[in-house]
Amino acid sequence: MLAVGHNLADHVLGQTDYQAAGKAAPSEKEIADGANPRRGWGACLRHVAQYHLVMAVMLAIVWAVLPLWLSWTGLAVGLTISVLTHAFLDRRWPVRWLLEHIGSKGFAELKSAGMNGMYLTGQALHHMVGQQVQQGVYPAQIRKSSRTREPPSVGSASAQSPGRRRTAFRHPHSPNSSVRRRCRRMPASTGRPAARRVR
């Protein structure tokens, strides 16, 4: 769900052209010319707010349709992590710094043949954070129905090997059974027993 919501929010509903163009501003050249380094934070934060609004709506729809269980504390922590990391990565200089320090400066400058190194790296980092948030912070589980039986524990009798399995049911002829059947044998001349009616 988070992957679908991310693509929808980052590419369709959660980002305008102005936000996409201004969220990483100013460039290094503009900063060298005297531009304010914090100039693009307004566009970046508006994009992050719009992005997470779309994500919240998607999560609400999925929660309403599917039998999911969500921890409100985990949800708040997860959204906080997503907001902070998304705003940080969308400033683009952290992505460029990472590529330059792992020997991929050429990939950071790639902007041809339908490829954009900075964009692809940013998306990979967004997906990495989203996956970690989904697995570790969003405890989405199928709601436990009253008809659902818990799986047997490792040490329980039902989890033992078939040869050693114990059962809660007792044979009717067991001496410890609550239901006892008494049989009366006919004389040996008849050659077959007749079962007495259960009391």
Protein backbone atom coordinates (compact mmCIF):
# COMPACT_ATOMS: atom_id res chain seq x y z
CA MET A 1 0.00 0.00 0.00
CA LEU A 2 2.80 2.43 0.87
CA ALA A 3 4.49 1.88 -2.50
CA VAL A 4 1.26 2.63 -4.38
CA GLY A 5 0.53 5.63 -2.16
CA HIS A 6 4.07 6.95 -2.63
CA ASN A 7 3.91 6.80 -6.42
CA LEU A 8 0.47 8.41 -6.46
CA ALA A 9 1.47 11.16 -4.03
CA ASP A 10 4.94 11.91 -5.42
CA HIS A 11 4.05 11.84 -9.12
CA VAL A 12 0.33 12.60 -9.51
CA LEU A 13 -1.56 14.22 -6.64
CA GLY A 14 1.02 15.33 -4.11
CA GLN A 15 3.34 17.63 -6.06
CA THR A 16 2.87 20.61 -8.34
CA ASP A 17 5.31 21.84 -10.99
CA TYR A 18 6.25 24.78 -8.78
CA GLN A 19 7.03 22.49 -5.86
CA ALA A 20 9.04 20.07 -8.00
CA ALA A 21 11.12 22.89 -9.47
CA GLY A 22 11.65 24.86 -6.26
CA LYS A 23 11.94 22.27 -3.49
CA ALA A 24 15.71 21.78 -4.05
CA ALA A 25 16.52 25.45 -4.67
CA PRO A 26 18.88 27.21 -4.62
CA SER A 27 21.62 25.54 -6.61
CA GLU A 28 25.28 25.71 -5.67
CA LYS A 29 25.84 28.40 -8.29
CA GLU A 30 22.97 30.48 -6.92
CA ILE A 31 24.31 30.14 -3.38
CA ALA A 32 27.72 31.27 -4.63
CA ASP A 33 26.01 34.31 -6.18
CA GLY A 34 24.49 35.22 -2.80
CA ALA A 35 21.10 33.46 -2.80
CA ASN A 36 19.53 32.49 0.52
CA PRO A 37 20.30 28.77 1.16
CA ARG A 38 16.86 28.31 2.76
CA ARG A 39 14.95 29.70 -0.22
CA GLY A 40 13.46 26.39 -1.38
CA TRP A 41 12.20 25.15 1.99
CA GLY A 42 8.76 26.67 1.45
CA ALA A 43 8.11 24.69 -1.74
CA CYS A 44 9.63 21.57 -0.19
CA LEU A 45 7.45 21.68 2.94
CA ARG A 46 4.29 22.35 0.91
CA HIS A 47 5.08 19.30 -1.20
CA VAL A 48 5.73 17.17 1.90
CA ALA A 49 2.43 18.28 3.47
CA GLN A 50 0.47 17.57 0.28
CA TYR A 51 2.29 14.25 -0.15
CA HIS A 52 1.39 13.03 3.34
CA LEU A 53 -2.19 14.21 2.98
CA VAL A 54 -2.53 11.89 -0.02
CA MET A 55 -0.83 9.10 1.93
CA ALA A 56 -3.20 9.58 4.88
CA VAL A 57 -6.25 9.40 2.60
CA MET A 58 -4.90 6.23 0.95
CA LEU A 59 -4.25 4.66 4.34
CA ALA A 60 -7.76 5.55 5.55
CA ILE A 61 -9.32 3.98 2.44
CA VAL A 62 -7.30 0.79 2.83
CA TRP A 63 -8.07 0.63 6.55
CA ALA A 64 -11.80 1.04 5.83
CA VAL A 65 -11.85 -1.69 3.17
CA LEU A 66 -9.42 -4.27 4.55
CA PRO A 67 -9.49 -5.79 8.06
CA LEU A 68 -6.28 -4.09 9.19
CA TRP A 69 -5.20 -3.32 12.72
CA LEU A 70 -3.14 -0.15 13.21
CA SER A 71 -1.34 1.19 16.25
CA TRP A 72 -2.01 4.91 16.57
CA THR A 73 1.31 5.40 18.32
CA GLY A 74 3.12 3.49 15.59
CA LEU A 75 1.25 5.46 12.95
CA ALA A 76 2.28 8.78 14.50
CA VAL A 77 5.93 7.71 14.77
CA GLY A 78 5.91 6.38 11.21
CA LEU A 79 4.44 9.57 9.76
CA THR A 80 6.98 11.66 11.68
CA ILE A 81 9.87 9.61 10.29
CA SER A 82 8.41 9.84 6.80
CA VAL A 83 7.95 13.63 6.99
CA LEU A 84 11.48 14.28 8.25
CA THR A 85 13.27 11.95 5.83
CA HIS A 86 11.17 12.99 2.83
CA ALA A 87 11.82 16.70 3.40
CA PHE A 88 15.53 16.05 4.00
CA LEU A 89 16.02 13.94 0.87
CA ASP A 90 13.97 16.23 -1.37
CA ARG A 91 16.38 19.08 -0.74
CA ARG A 92 18.59 17.03 -3.11
CA TRP A 93 21.95 18.08 -1.68
CA PRO A 94 21.99 15.05 0.70
CA VAL A 95 21.42 12.76 -2.30
CA ARG A 96 24.19 14.47 -4.27
CA TRP A 97 26.54 14.28 -1.27
CA LEU A 98 25.87 10.54 -0.93
CA LEU A 99 26.54 9.81 -4.60
CA GLU A 100 29.71 11.88 -4.65
CA HIS A 101 31.08 10.08 -1.59
CA ILE A 102 30.43 6.58 -2.90
CA GLY A 103 32.19 7.18 -6.20
CA SER A 104 29.07 7.92 -8.30
CA LYS A 105 29.52 11.59 -9.11
CA GLY A 106 28.88 10.85 -12.78
CA PHE A 107 25.55 9.24 -11.93
CA ALA A 108 24.59 12.32 -9.94
CA GLU A 109 25.14 14.42 -13.08
CA LEU A 110 23.28 12.03 -15.37
CA LYS A 111 20.35 13.77 -17.10
CA SER A 112 20.04 12.14 -20.52
CA ALA A 113 18.41 9.23 -22.37
CA GLY A 114 15.42 9.35 -20.05
CA MET A 115 17.62 8.81 -17.01
CA ASN A 116 18.13 11.10 -14.05
CA GLY A 117 20.61 9.89 -11.46
CA MET A 118 19.51 12.24 -8.70
CA TYR A 119 15.84 11.37 -9.18
CA LEU A 120 16.43 7.62 -9.27
CA THR A 121 18.62 7.71 -6.17
CA GLY A 122 16.07 9.83 -4.33
CA GLN A 123 13.27 7.42 -5.21
CA ALA A 124 15.35 4.46 -4.08
CA LEU A 125 15.98 6.13 -0.72
CA HIS A 126 12.30 7.02 -0.34
CA HIS A 127 11.30 3.41 -0.99
CA MET A 128 13.93 2.15 1.45
CA VAL A 129 12.61 4.40 4.23
CA GLY A 130 9.01 3.51 3.39
CA GLN A 131 9.72 -0.21 3.53
CA GLN A 132 11.40 0.11 6.92
CA VAL A 133 8.52 2.20 8.23
CA GLN A 134 5.99 -0.34 7.01
CA GLN A 135 7.77 -3.31 8.56
CA GLY A 136 8.91 -1.79 11.81
CA VAL A 137 6.52 1.01 12.70
CA TYR A 138 3.16 0.33 11.01
CA PRO A 139 1.95 -2.88 12.74
CA ALA A 140 -0.75 -3.57 10.14
CA GLN A 141 -2.19 -6.99 10.78
CA ILE A 142 -5.34 -8.86 9.95
CA ARG A 143 -7.83 -8.37 12.74
CA LYS A 144 -8.23 -11.40 14.92
CA SER A 145 -11.69 -12.82 14.50
CA SER A 146 -13.41 -14.68 17.31
CA ARG A 147 -13.59 -17.65 14.97
CA THR A 148 -9.88 -17.63 14.26
CA ARG A 149 -7.88 -20.15 16.24
CA GLU A 150 -4.43 -19.28 17.48
CA PRO A 151 -1.65 -21.39 15.92
CA PRO A 152 -0.30 -24.06 18.28
CA SER A 153 2.85 -23.21 20.14
CA VAL A 154 6.01 -25.20 19.63
CA GLY A 155 5.74 -26.99 22.96
CA SER A 156 2.02 -27.68 22.80
CA ALA A 157 0.61 -31.14 22.38
CA SER A 158 -0.97 -30.31 19.02
CA ALA A 159 2.40 -29.22 17.65
CA GLN A 160 4.10 -32.53 18.46
CA SER A 161 4.81 -35.24 15.93
CA PRO A 162 1.83 -37.32 14.76
CA GLY A 163 3.09 -40.35 16.65
CA ARG A 164 3.12 -38.50 19.94
CA ARG A 165 0.14 -36.26 19.40
CA ARG A 166 -2.34 -36.03 22.21
CA THR A 167 -6.01 -35.40 21.68
CA ALA A 168 -8.68 -33.99 23.93
CA PHE A 169 -11.21 -36.53 22.71
CA ARG A 170 -11.53 -39.91 24.42
CA HIS A 171 -12.75 -43.11 22.99
CA PRO A 172 -16.20 -44.08 24.26
CA HIS A 173 -14.80 -47.36 25.65
CA SER A 174 -12.01 -45.62 27.59
CA PRO A 175 -12.29 -46.24 31.34
CA ASN A 176 -11.86 -42.50 31.96
CA SER A 177 -14.54 -41.47 29.49
CA SER A 178 -17.61 -39.67 30.72
CA VAL A 179 -19.66 -41.79 28.33
CA ARG A 180 -19.44 -45.50 29.15
CA ARG A 181 -20.99 -48.28 27.26
CA ARG A 182 -21.61 -51.54 28.96
CA CYS A 183 -21.90 -54.60 26.82
CA ARG A 184 -23.45 -57.81 27.94
CA ARG A 185 -22.34 -60.95 26.22
CA MET A 186 -24.88 -63.56 25.22
CA PRO A 187 -24.29 -67.21 26.10
CA ALA A 188 -21.46 -68.87 24.23
CA SER A 189 -23.93 -70.87 22.17
CA THR A 190 -25.10 -67.80 20.25
CA GLY A 191 -21.59 -66.97 19.17
CA ARG A 192 -22.13 -63.17 18.96
CA PRO A 193 -22.52 -60.39 21.50
CA ALA A 194 -25.48 -58.06 21.67
CA ALA A 195 -24.81 -54.47 22.64
CA ARG A 196 -26.90 -53.09 25.44
CA ARG A 197 -28.59 -49.77 24.97
CA VAL A 198 -26.59 -46.82 26.29
CA ARG A 199 -27.89 -45.41 29.53
